[in-house]
C-alpha atoms as a PDB file:
ATOM      1  CA  MET A   1      11.899   6.945 -13.065  1.00  0.00           C
ATOM      2  CA  ASP A   2      12.808   8.435 -16.425  1.00  0.00           C
ATOM      3  CA  ILE A   3      11.338  11.946 -16.431  1.00  0.00           C
ATOM      4  CA  THR A   4      11.581  12.179 -20.219  1.00  0.00           C
ATOM      5  CA  LYS A   5       9.286   9.166 -20.628  1.00  0.00           C
ATOM      6  CA  ASP A   6       7.428   8.780 -17.325  1.00  0.00           C
ATOM      7  CA  ILE A   7       5.893  12.254 -17.062  1.00  0.00           C
ATOM      8  CA  GLN A   8       3.422  12.980 -19.835  1.00  0.00           C
ATOM      9  CA  PRO A   9       0.523  15.352 -20.467  1.00  0.00           C
ATOM     10  CA  MET A  10      -2.936  13.872 -20.041  1.00  0.00           C
ATOM     11  CA  THR A  11      -3.647  14.622 -23.721  1.00  0.00           C
ATOM     12  CA  THR A  12      -0.699  12.430 -24.770  1.00  0.00           C
ATOM     13  CA  PHE A  13      -2.139   9.621 -22.658  1.00  0.00           C
ATOM     14  CA  ARG A  14      -5.571  10.093 -24.229  1.00  0.00           C
ATOM     15  CA  ASN A  15      -4.175  10.151 -27.765  1.00  0.00           C
ATOM     16  CA  HIS A  16      -1.686   7.288 -27.358  1.00  0.00           C
ATOM     17  CA  SER A  17      -3.193   5.153 -24.604  1.00  0.00           C
ATOM     18  CA  ALA A  18      -2.413   1.782 -26.231  1.00  0.00           C
ATOM     19  CA  GLU A  19       1.269   2.635 -26.651  1.00  0.00           C
ATOM     20  CA  ILE A  20       1.488   4.071 -23.155  1.00  0.00           C
ATOM     21  CA  MET A  21      -0.177   1.003 -21.652  1.00  0.00           C
ATOM     22  CA  GLN A  22       2.404  -1.167 -23.411  1.00  0.00           C
ATOM     23  CA  HIS A  23       5.170   1.086 -22.034  1.00  0.00           C
ATOM     24  CA  LEU A  24       3.748   0.691 -18.506  1.00  0.00           C
ATOM     25  CA  LYS A  25       3.559  -3.077 -18.871  1.00  0.00           C
ATOM     26  CA  THR A  26       7.105  -3.316 -20.241  1.00  0.00           C
ATOM     27  CA  THR A  27       8.864  -0.963 -17.820  1.00  0.00           C
ATOM     28  CA  LYS A  28       6.756  -1.667 -14.690  1.00  0.00           C
ATOM     29  CA  ARG A  29       7.329   2.019 -13.844  1.00  0.00           C
ATOM     30  CA  PRO A  30       4.469   4.360 -12.976  1.00  0.00           C
ATOM     31  CA  MET A  31       3.720   7.330 -15.191  1.00  0.00           C
ATOM     32  CA  ILE A  32       2.759  10.757 -13.946  1.00  0.00           C
ATOM     33  CA  LEU A  33       0.101  12.477 -16.031  1.00  0.00           C
ATOM     34  CA  THR A  34      -0.018  16.253 -16.022  1.00  0.00           C
ATOM     35  CA  VAL A  35      -2.705  18.837 -16.640  1.00  0.00           C
ATOM     36  CA  ASN A  36      -1.487  22.344 -17.391  1.00  0.00           C
ATOM     37  CA  GLY A  37       2.024  21.277 -16.425  1.00  0.00           C
ATOM     38  CA  LYS A  38       1.074  20.048 -12.951  1.00  0.00           C
ATOM     39  CA  ALA A  39       0.925  16.452 -11.751  1.00  0.00           C
ATOM     40  CA  ALA A  40      -2.679  15.279 -11.842  1.00  0.00           C
ATOM     41  CA  ALA A  41      -2.611  11.480 -11.771  1.00  0.00           C
ATOM     42  CA  VAL A  42      -0.371   8.447 -11.615  1.00  0.00           C
ATOM     43  CA  VAL A  43      -1.027   5.404 -13.781  1.00  0.00           C
ATOM     44  CA  GLN A  44       0.655   2.073 -13.328  1.00  0.00           C
ATOM     45  CA  ASP A  45       0.581  -1.452 -14.710  1.00  0.00           C
ATOM     46  CA  ALA A  46      -1.729  -3.645 -12.605  1.00  0.00           C
ATOM     47  CA  GLU A  47       0.991  -6.224 -11.856  1.00  0.00           C
ATOM     48  CA  ALA A  48       3.420  -3.516 -10.697  1.00  0.00           C
ATOM     49  CA  TYR A  49       0.664  -1.987  -8.552  1.00  0.00           C
ATOM     50  CA  GLN A  50      -0.060  -5.367  -6.936  1.00  0.00           C
ATOM     51  CA  HIS A  51       3.658  -5.686  -6.158  1.00  0.00           C
ATOM     52  CA  LEU A  52       3.517  -2.251  -4.496  1.00  0.00           C
ATOM     53  CA  LEU A  53       0.501  -3.330  -2.423  1.00  0.00           C
ATOM     54  CA  ASP A  54       2.315  -6.514  -1.373  1.00  0.00           C
ATOM     55  CA  LEU A  55       5.367  -4.500  -0.271  1.00  0.00           C
ATOM     56  CA  ALA A  56       3.159  -2.134   1.733  1.00  0.00           C
ATOM     57  CA  ALA A  57       1.372  -5.056   3.420  1.00  0.00           C
ATOM     58  CA  ALA A  58       4.680  -6.699   4.327  1.00  0.00           C
ATOM     59  CA  ALA A  59       5.995  -3.421   5.742  1.00  0.00           C
ATOM     60  CA  SER A  60       2.797  -3.005   7.756  1.00  0.00           C
ATOM     61  CA  ALA A  61       3.075  -6.538   9.154  1.00  0.00           C
ATOM     62  CA  ALA A  62       6.731  -5.989  10.044  1.00  0.00           C
ATOM     63  CA  GLU A  63       5.835  -2.740  11.831  1.00  0.00           C
ATOM     64  CA  GLY A  64       3.068  -4.502  13.757  1.00  0.00           C
ATOM     65  CA  ILE A  65       5.500  -7.174  14.874  1.00  0.00           C
ATOM     66  CA  ARG A  66       8.047  -4.533  15.867  1.00  0.00           C
ATOM     67  CA  GLN A  67       5.438  -2.694  17.945  1.00  0.00           C
ATOM     68  CA  GLY A  68       4.305  -5.936  19.594  1.00  0.00           C
ATOM     69  CA  LEU A  69       7.857  -6.819  20.575  1.00  0.00           C
ATOM     70  CA  GLU A  70       8.340  -3.313  21.951  1.00  0.00           C
ATOM     71  CA  ASP A  71       5.155  -3.670  24.016  1.00  0.00           C
ATOM     72  CA  LEU A  72       6.446  -6.995  25.327  1.00  0.00           C
ATOM     73  CA  ARG A  73       9.807  -5.462  26.321  1.00  0.00           C
ATOM     74  CA  ASN A  74       8.065  -2.555  28.058  1.00  0.00           C
ATOM     75  CA  GLY A  75       5.574  -4.696  29.965  1.00  0.00           C
ATOM     76  CA  ARG A  76       2.524  -3.475  28.064  1.00  0.00           C
ATOM     77  CA  THR A  77       0.979  -6.931  27.732  1.00  0.00           C
ATOM     78  CA  ARG A  78      -1.629  -9.041  29.506  1.00  0.00           C
ATOM     79  CA  PRO A  79      -2.082 -12.789  29.598  1.00  0.00           C
ATOM     80  CA  ALA A  80      -4.602 -14.022  27.018  1.00  0.00           C
ATOM     81  CA  ARG A  81      -6.628 -15.708  29.775  1.00  0.00           C
ATOM     82  CA  ALA A  82      -7.172 -12.331  31.483  1.00  0.00           C
ATOM     83  CA  VAL A  83      -8.252 -10.708  28.220  1.00  0.00           C
ATOM     84  CA  PHE A  84     -10.707 -13.534  27.448  1.00  0.00           C
ATOM     85  CA  ASP A  85     -12.086 -13.406  30.989  1.00  0.00           C
ATOM     86  CA  ASP A  86     -12.731  -9.667  30.580  1.00  0.00           C
ATOM     87  CA  ILE A  87     -14.494 -10.226  27.243  1.00  0.00           C
ATOM     88  CA  ARG A  88     -16.664 -12.980  28.737  1.00  0.00           C
ATOM     89  CA  ALA A  89     -17.599 -10.775  31.672  1.00  0.00           C
ATOM     90  CA  GLU A  90     -18.344  -7.751  29.483  1.00  0.00           C
ATOM     91  CA  HIS A  91     -20.625  -9.723  27.154  1.00  0.00           C
ATOM     92  CA  ASP A  92     -22.067 -12.098  29.743  1.00  0.00           C
ATOM     93  CA  ILE A  93     -20.610 -15.163  28.021  1.00  0.00           C
ATOM     94  CA  PRO A  94     -20.489 -18.262  30.224  1.00  0.00           C
ATOM     95  CA  ARG A  95     -17.254 -20.191  30.496  1.00  0.00           C
END
């Protein structure tokens, strides 16, 4: 992040939105918009935001896998057949 370019007052964004949108698209960096000198919003190019969402999803999947492997190591698992049998019994589903 370049604080001289990536932190701007909201009024600058309002008055120069086309130029700022081009800057966002070119740099792929988010911009912090301020109101009365305090951070109020973050704007980002849609493609860069999608990339951020993809990274978060991948990290979430990796964490889920890590937790599952930990459960397996610590014996916190049940055979699928037992789980399905419990679901059938709970909802009166015939085999």
